[in-house]
């Protein structure tokens, strides 16, 4: 019987690898393709790992104080992860996102207890498409909210907790579940945390 966890945060990670046999057979590919099912994390993405890693690293270093507000610029996934982790750890969470991002993501974060601040797009912006100029406005708003509230900024693009979560978690999980039979690792890159962390872990295992 599976163990009973004390909080949803403990369910982050340890996602399974699944062999894509039909795909390789249809394509005539020799070897195996394994998919890591990160959507099975409680926030439905690998960003849950980064959210937990950033908060744990901040707690360990003393960069965050008990009950301090956490602020993050997000398009949805990182904000969802932080909303979950912050709710369990007792940090108020503020997600700052562009109105060009998905309304459903904003509702989801709010349902998880986050305060969501929606930033107007630039005049003439296409609804549903966030431009570099739109992101600059969100960055400006995020900095302002962080300063006004004396908050800790999640800052997934610069916090070591992001890649360390994958270095200590995702990478070793892939190596162990595949019994070391890894020839290549493929990922899509947003902040680069998953790629950097898994690559470092696999490099350690396969010099």
Protein backbone atom coordinates (compact mmCIF):
# COMPACT_ATOMS: atom_id res chain seq x y z
CA UNK A 1 0.00 0.00 0.00
CA UNK A 2 1.28 3.49 -0.80
CA UNK A 3 2.33 5.65 2.12
CA UNK A 4 0.07 8.44 3.38
CA UNK A 5 1.72 11.84 2.87
CA UNK A 6 1.46 14.65 5.38
CA UNK A 7 0.91 17.33 2.72
CA UNK A 8 0.50 17.75 -1.03
CA UNK A 9 4.05 19.17 -1.21
CA UNK A 10 5.40 15.71 -0.41
CA UNK A 11 3.75 14.40 -3.59
CA UNK A 12 5.96 16.61 -5.79
CA UNK A 13 8.45 14.56 -7.80
CA UNK A 14 9.04 10.81 -8.13
CA UNK A 15 7.02 10.77 -11.36
CA UNK A 16 7.19 7.61 -13.51
CA UNK A 17 9.02 6.98 -16.76
CA UNK A 18 6.88 5.33 -19.45
CA UNK A 19 8.23 3.42 -22.44
CA UNK A 20 6.72 4.71 -25.72
CA UNK A 21 6.72 1.35 -27.51
CA UNK A 22 4.05 2.09 -30.12
CA UNK A 23 5.77 5.31 -31.14
CA UNK A 24 9.14 3.64 -31.67
CA UNK A 25 7.55 0.66 -33.48
CA UNK A 26 5.59 2.89 -35.89
CA UNK A 27 8.64 5.05 -36.59
CA UNK A 28 10.96 2.08 -36.97
CA UNK A 29 13.25 3.48 -34.28
CA UNK A 30 15.82 1.17 -32.71
CA UNK A 31 16.12 1.58 -28.98
CA UNK A 32 13.71 3.06 -26.45
CA UNK A 33 12.08 6.41 -25.91
CA UNK A 34 11.03 7.06 -22.32
CA UNK A 35 8.65 9.86 -21.29
CA UNK A 36 8.77 11.38 -17.80
CA UNK A 37 5.19 12.07 -16.69
CA UNK A 38 5.68 15.41 -15.00
CA UNK A 39 1.99 16.28 -15.40
CA UNK A 40 1.40 13.93 -12.46
CA UNK A 41 2.82 16.56 -10.10
CA UNK A 42 0.03 18.23 -8.06
CA UNK A 43 0.20 21.45 -10.12
CA UNK A 44 0.34 19.41 -13.36
CA UNK A 45 3.85 20.41 -14.45
CA UNK A 46 7.56 20.13 -13.72
CA UNK A 47 7.46 23.69 -12.37
CA UNK A 48 6.21 22.29 -9.04
CA UNK A 49 9.73 20.95 -8.51
CA UNK A 50 11.30 24.35 -9.18
CA UNK A 51 8.79 26.10 -6.90
CA UNK A 52 9.58 23.75 -4.03
CA UNK A 53 13.32 23.94 -4.73
CA UNK A 54 13.33 27.74 -4.68
CA UNK A 55 11.40 27.98 -1.41
CA UNK A 56 13.49 25.26 0.28
CA UNK A 57 16.74 26.88 -0.84
CA UNK A 58 15.53 30.27 0.43
CA UNK A 59 14.55 28.75 3.79
CA UNK A 60 17.93 27.04 4.10
CA UNK A 61 19.89 30.22 3.29
CA UNK A 62 17.67 32.52 5.36
CA UNK A 63 16.70 34.55 2.29
CA UNK A 64 13.02 34.22 3.22
CA UNK A 65 11.45 34.97 6.60
CA UNK A 66 8.56 33.04 8.18
CA UNK A 67 5.27 34.35 6.82
CA UNK A 68 6.95 36.65 4.27
CA UNK A 69 5.06 37.32 1.05
CA UNK A 70 6.38 35.62 -2.08
CA UNK A 71 6.01 37.35 -5.47
CA UNK A 72 6.64 35.89 -8.91
CA UNK A 73 6.20 36.92 -12.54
CA UNK A 74 4.50 33.96 -14.20
CA UNK A 75 2.51 32.79 -17.20
CA UNK A 76 0.88 30.11 -15.07
CA UNK A 77 2.85 26.94 -14.34
CA UNK A 78 5.43 28.39 -11.96
CA UNK A 79 2.72 30.42 -10.28
CA UNK A 80 0.61 27.31 -9.77
CA UNK A 81 3.56 25.49 -8.21
CA UNK A 82 4.36 28.39 -5.91
CA UNK A 83 0.71 28.78 -4.94
CA UNK A 84 0.70 25.16 -3.77
CA UNK A 85 4.05 25.28 -1.95
CA UNK A 86 3.42 28.68 -0.34
CA UNK A 87 -0.04 27.66 0.89
CA UNK A 88 1.43 24.64 2.69
CA UNK A 89 4.51 26.47 4.01
CA UNK A 90 2.57 29.53 5.20
CA UNK A 91 3.75 32.23 2.79
CA UNK A 92 1.22 34.58 1.16
CA UNK A 93 1.76 34.35 -2.59
CA UNK A 94 1.25 37.03 -5.25
CA UNK A 95 1.35 36.03 -8.92
CA UNK A 96 1.91 38.83 -11.44
CA UNK A 97 0.95 37.99 -15.00
CA UNK A 98 -0.01 39.62 -18.28
CA UNK A 99 -3.65 39.83 -19.31
CA UNK A 100 -2.43 38.17 -22.51
CA UNK A 101 -1.87 34.93 -20.62
CA UNK A 102 -4.52 32.29 -20.03
CA UNK A 103 -7.47 33.36 -17.88
CA UNK A 104 -7.82 29.75 -16.76
CA UNK A 105 -4.31 29.81 -15.28
CA UNK A 106 -5.15 32.96 -13.35
CA UNK A 107 -8.32 31.37 -11.99
CA UNK A 108 -6.43 28.24 -11.01
CA UNK A 109 -3.82 30.19 -9.04
CA UNK A 110 -6.54 32.22 -7.31
CA UNK A 111 -8.39 29.01 -6.42
CA UNK A 112 -5.18 27.74 -4.80
CA UNK A 113 -5.05 30.84 -2.60
CA UNK A 114 -2.83 33.15 -4.62
CA UNK A 115 -3.45 36.85 -5.12
CA UNK A 116 -3.27 37.36 -8.88
CA UNK A 117 -2.34 40.76 -10.31
CA UNK A 118 -3.13 41.08 -14.02
CA UNK A 119 -1.09 43.61 -15.98
CA UNK A 120 -2.55 45.32 -19.07
CA UNK A 121 -0.93 44.58 -22.41
CA UNK A 122 0.60 47.30 -24.55
CA UNK A 123 -1.85 49.18 -26.81
CA UNK A 124 -2.28 47.22 -30.02
CA UNK A 125 -1.13 43.90 -28.52
CA UNK A 126 -2.87 40.77 -29.78
CA UNK A 127 -5.07 39.19 -27.09
CA UNK A 128 -3.65 35.82 -26.06
CA UNK A 129 -0.17 36.67 -27.36
CA UNK A 130 2.33 38.10 -24.88
CA UNK A 131 5.03 40.21 -26.51
CA UNK A 132 8.42 41.24 -25.15
CA UNK A 133 6.96 44.66 -24.47
CA UNK A 134 4.10 43.08 -22.50
CA UNK A 135 6.61 41.09 -20.45
CA UNK A 136 8.57 44.26 -19.70
CA UNK A 137 5.41 45.76 -18.19
CA UNK A 138 4.87 42.64 -16.06
CA UNK A 139 8.50 42.77 -14.90
CA UNK A 140 8.06 46.41 -13.92
CA UNK A 141 4.89 45.59 -11.96
CA UNK A 142 6.56 42.60 -10.29
CA UNK A 143 9.48 44.74 -9.07
CA UNK A 144 7.07 47.36 -7.73
CA UNK A 145 4.95 44.83 -5.82
CA UNK A 146 8.06 43.14 -4.40
CA UNK A 147 9.39 46.44 -3.08
CA UNK A 148 6.04 47.71 -1.76
CA UNK A 149 5.39 44.54 0.24
CA UNK A 150 8.94 43.77 1.33
CA UNK A 151 8.46 40.45 -0.42
CA UNK A 152 10.73 37.59 -1.43
CA UNK A 153 10.81 37.24 -5.22
CA UNK A 154 10.69 33.68 -6.53
CA UNK A 155 12.73 34.72 -9.58
CA UNK A 156 12.97 31.31 -11.24
CA UNK A 157 15.43 32.63 -13.84
CA UNK A 158 18.08 33.43 -11.23
CA UNK A 159 17.45 31.29 -8.13
CA UNK A 160 19.66 28.22 -7.75
CA UNK A 161 16.78 26.32 -6.14
CA UNK A 162 15.27 25.97 -9.63
CA UNK A 163 18.02 23.88 -11.24
CA UNK A 164 19.01 22.22 -7.96
CA UNK A 165 15.51 20.69 -7.70
CA UNK A 166 16.18 18.87 -10.98
CA UNK A 167 19.81 18.11 -10.14
CA UNK A 168 18.79 16.36 -6.91
CA UNK A 169 15.41 15.06 -8.13
CA UNK A 170 14.52 14.74 -11.81
CA UNK A 171 17.96 13.75 -13.06
CA UNK A 172 18.65 10.97 -10.54
CA UNK A 173 15.06 9.72 -10.98
CA UNK A 174 15.63 9.33 -14.74
CA UNK A 175 18.98 7.61 -14.17
CA UNK A 176 17.67 5.21 -11.52
CA UNK A 177 14.40 4.31 -13.28
CA UNK A 178 16.20 3.62 -16.57
CA UNK A 179 18.94 1.65 -14.75
CA UNK A 180 21.50 3.98 -16.26
CA UNK A 181 20.50 3.29 -19.85
CA UNK A 182 20.43 6.95 -20.92
CA UNK A 183 21.98 8.00 -24.24
CA UNK A 184 20.21 11.33 -24.69
CA UNK A 185 17.97 13.69 -22.73
CA UNK A 186 15.46 15.92 -24.52
CA UNK A 187 13.65 18.85 -22.92
CA UNK A 188 11.95 22.08 -23.90
CA UNK A 189 13.51 25.14 -22.29
CA UNK A 190 11.73 27.94 -20.45
CA UNK A 191 13.85 29.12 -17.52
CA UNK A 192 16.43 26.41 -18.29
CA UNK A 193 16.22 24.92 -14.79
CA UNK A 194 15.19 21.40 -15.80
CA UNK A 195 17.74 21.21 -18.59
CA UNK A 196 20.61 22.52 -16.44
CA UNK A 197 19.80 20.37 -13.42
CA UNK A 198 19.19 17.11 -15.29
CA UNK A 199 22.20 17.67 -17.57
CA UNK A 200 24.50 18.19 -14.58
CA UNK A 201 23.12 15.09 -12.84
CA UNK A 202 23.52 12.92 -15.93
CA UNK A 203 26.99 14.32 -16.59
CA UNK A 204 27.99 13.22 -13.09
CA UNK A 205 26.63 9.73 -13.78
CA UNK A 206 28.09 9.50 -17.32
CA UNK A 207 31.40 11.42 -17.42
